[in-house]
Amino acid sequence: MATEVKVTLKKSPIGRKAYFSNVLKGLGFRRLNQTVTLQDTPEIRGMIRKVEHMVVVED
């Protein structure tokens, strides 16, 4: 069974390129300070890496 990772959105995508908003939607974020629990896969880690300046990751 794959491990899970908790990710919290800490900065708003408003005023940034649409790419960042699309990545955040793909991760399941809808609002600021929301925490989502995701499977720890290479694909998810890659998405998190693209928006690491906007999120906080808890292993």
N, C-alpha and C. Protein backbone atom coordinates (compact mmCIF):
# COMPACT_ATOMS: atom_id res chain seq x y z
N MET A 1 0.84 -1.18 0.00
CA MET A 1 0.00 0.00 0.00
C MET A 1 0.88 1.25 0.00
N ALA A 2 0.55 2.18 -0.86
CA ALA A 2 1.34 3.40 -0.98
C ALA A 2 1.10 4.30 0.23
N THR A 3 2.13 5.03 0.61
CA THR A 3 1.98 5.96 1.71
C THR A 3 1.23 7.19 1.25
N GLU A 4 0.86 8.01 2.22
CA GLU A 4 0.11 9.21 1.89
C GLU A 4 0.90 10.44 2.31
N VAL A 5 0.58 11.56 1.70
CA VAL A 5 1.22 12.83 2.01
C VAL A 5 0.12 13.87 2.18
N LYS A 6 0.27 14.72 3.22
CA LYS A 6 -0.69 15.80 3.46
C LYS A 6 -0.11 17.09 2.89
N VAL A 7 -0.93 17.79 2.13
CA VAL A 7 -0.50 19.03 1.51
C VAL A 7 -1.52 20.12 1.85
N THR A 8 -1.02 21.28 2.27
CA THR A 8 -1.88 22.41 2.63
C THR A 8 -1.57 23.59 1.73
N LEU A 9 -2.62 24.19 1.17
CA LEU A 9 -2.46 25.36 0.30
C LEU A 9 -2.30 26.60 1.18
N LYS A 10 -1.18 27.30 1.07
CA LYS A 10 -0.90 28.46 1.91
C LYS A 10 -0.88 29.78 1.16
N LYS A 11 -0.73 29.77 -0.17
CA LYS A 11 -0.72 31.01 -0.94
C LYS A 11 -1.71 30.90 -2.09
N SER A 12 -2.37 32.00 -2.36
CA SER A 12 -3.41 32.04 -3.38
C SER A 12 -2.83 32.03 -4.80
N PRO A 13 -3.52 31.37 -5.72
CA PRO A 13 -3.09 31.39 -7.12
C PRO A 13 -3.56 32.64 -7.86
N ILE A 14 -4.28 33.54 -7.19
CA ILE A 14 -4.77 34.76 -7.84
C ILE A 14 -3.57 35.61 -8.25
N GLY A 15 -3.58 36.06 -9.48
CA GLY A 15 -2.52 36.90 -10.00
C GLY A 15 -1.35 36.12 -10.57
N ARG A 16 -1.43 34.80 -10.55
CA ARG A 16 -0.37 33.97 -11.11
C ARG A 16 -0.85 33.38 -12.44
N LYS A 17 0.04 32.74 -13.14
CA LYS A 17 -0.33 32.14 -14.42
C LYS A 17 -1.37 31.05 -14.21
N ALA A 18 -2.20 30.83 -15.22
CA ALA A 18 -3.27 29.84 -15.14
C ALA A 18 -2.71 28.44 -14.91
N TYR A 19 -1.47 28.21 -15.32
CA TYR A 19 -0.84 26.90 -15.13
C TYR A 19 -0.86 26.49 -13.66
N PHE A 20 -0.54 27.43 -12.76
CA PHE A 20 -0.49 27.11 -11.34
C PHE A 20 -1.88 26.77 -10.80
N SER A 21 -2.89 27.51 -11.25
CA SER A 21 -4.27 27.21 -10.84
C SER A 21 -4.68 25.82 -11.29
N ASN A 22 -4.28 25.45 -12.50
CA ASN A 22 -4.64 24.12 -13.02
C ASN A 22 -3.96 23.01 -12.24
N VAL A 23 -2.71 23.22 -11.85
CA VAL A 23 -2.00 22.21 -11.06
C VAL A 23 -2.67 22.06 -9.69
N LEU A 24 -3.04 23.18 -9.07
CA LEU A 24 -3.69 23.13 -7.76
C LEU A 24 -5.04 22.43 -7.85
N LYS A 25 -5.79 22.68 -8.90
CA LYS A 25 -7.07 21.99 -9.10
C LYS A 25 -6.84 20.50 -9.29
N GLY A 26 -5.78 20.14 -10.00
CA GLY A 26 -5.44 18.74 -10.20
C GLY A 26 -5.09 18.04 -8.90
N LEU A 27 -4.52 18.79 -7.97
CA LEU A 27 -4.21 18.23 -6.65
C LEU A 27 -5.43 18.17 -5.74
N GLY A 28 -6.51 18.83 -6.13
CA GLY A 28 -7.75 18.76 -5.37
C GLY A 28 -8.03 19.96 -4.49
N PHE A 29 -7.29 21.05 -4.67
CA PHE A 29 -7.51 22.24 -3.85
C PHE A 29 -8.65 23.07 -4.38
N ARG A 30 -9.43 23.63 -3.45
CA ARG A 30 -10.53 24.51 -3.82
C ARG A 30 -10.45 25.85 -3.09
N ARG A 31 -9.81 25.88 -1.91
CA ARG A 31 -9.74 27.11 -1.14
C ARG A 31 -8.43 27.21 -0.37
N LEU A 32 -8.14 28.40 0.06
CA LEU A 32 -6.93 28.68 0.81
C LEU A 32 -6.96 27.97 2.17
N ASN A 33 -5.85 27.51 2.65
CA ASN A 33 -5.68 26.79 3.92
C ASN A 33 -6.37 25.42 3.93
N GLN A 34 -6.75 24.92 2.79
CA GLN A 34 -7.33 23.59 2.70
C GLN A 34 -6.21 22.56 2.71
N THR A 35 -6.45 21.45 3.41
CA THR A 35 -5.49 20.35 3.45
C THR A 35 -6.07 19.15 2.73
N VAL A 36 -5.29 18.56 1.83
CA VAL A 36 -5.71 17.36 1.13
C VAL A 36 -4.71 16.25 1.41
N THR A 37 -5.20 15.04 1.46
CA THR A 37 -4.35 13.87 1.65
C THR A 37 -4.29 13.13 0.32
N LEU A 38 -3.07 12.93 -0.18
CA LEU A 38 -2.87 12.34 -1.50
C LEU A 38 -1.96 11.13 -1.41
N GLN A 39 -2.06 10.24 -2.38
CA GLN A 39 -1.15 9.11 -2.46
C GLN A 39 0.25 9.64 -2.80
N ASP A 40 1.26 9.04 -2.21
CA ASP A 40 2.63 9.48 -2.44
C ASP A 40 3.21 8.75 -3.65
N THR A 41 2.93 9.29 -4.83
CA THR A 41 3.41 8.71 -6.08
C THR A 41 4.34 9.71 -6.77
N PRO A 42 5.16 9.26 -7.70
CA PRO A 42 6.03 10.19 -8.42
C PRO A 42 5.27 11.28 -9.17
N GLU A 43 4.09 10.96 -9.69
CA GLU A 43 3.29 11.94 -10.41
C GLU A 43 2.81 13.05 -9.48
N ILE A 44 2.32 12.68 -8.31
CA ILE A 44 1.85 13.66 -7.33
C ILE A 44 3.02 14.49 -6.82
N ARG A 45 4.16 13.85 -6.56
CA ARG A 45 5.35 14.58 -6.09
C ARG A 45 5.79 15.60 -7.14
N GLY A 46 5.68 15.26 -8.41
CA GLY A 46 6.03 16.20 -9.47
C GLY A 46 5.11 17.40 -9.49
N MET A 47 3.82 17.17 -9.29
CA MET A 47 2.85 18.27 -9.25
C MET A 47 3.12 19.17 -8.05
N ILE A 48 3.42 18.54 -6.91
CA ILE A 48 3.72 19.32 -5.70
C ILE A 48 4.97 20.16 -5.93
N ARG A 49 5.97 19.60 -6.59
CA ARG A 49 7.22 20.33 -6.85
C ARG A 49 6.98 21.57 -7.69
N LYS A 50 6.01 21.52 -8.60
CA LYS A 50 5.71 22.67 -9.45
C LYS A 50 5.11 23.84 -8.66
N VAL A 51 4.42 23.54 -7.57
CA VAL A 51 3.76 24.59 -6.78
C VAL A 51 4.30 24.62 -5.35
N GLU A 52 5.53 24.18 -5.14
CA GLU A 52 6.07 24.08 -3.78
C GLU A 52 6.18 25.43 -3.09
N HIS A 53 6.20 26.52 -3.84
CA HIS A 53 6.25 27.85 -3.24
C HIS A 53 4.89 28.29 -2.72
N MET A 54 3.83 27.52 -2.99
CA MET A 54 2.48 27.87 -2.58
C MET A 54 1.88 26.92 -1.56
N VAL A 55 2.54 25.81 -1.30
CA VAL A 55 1.99 24.77 -0.43
C VAL A 55 2.98 24.40 0.68
N VAL A 56 2.44 23.73 1.70
CA VAL A 56 3.25 23.15 2.77
C VAL A 56 2.98 21.66 2.76
N VAL A 57 4.06 20.86 2.78
CA VAL A 57 3.94 19.40 2.68
C VAL A 57 4.30 18.76 4.02
N GLU A 58 3.43 17.84 4.46
CA GLU A 58 3.68 17.06 5.66
C GLU A 58 3.72 15.60 5.24
N ASP A 59 4.82 14.93 5.49
CA ASP A 59 4.94 13.51 5.13
C ASP A 59 4.20 12.62 6.10
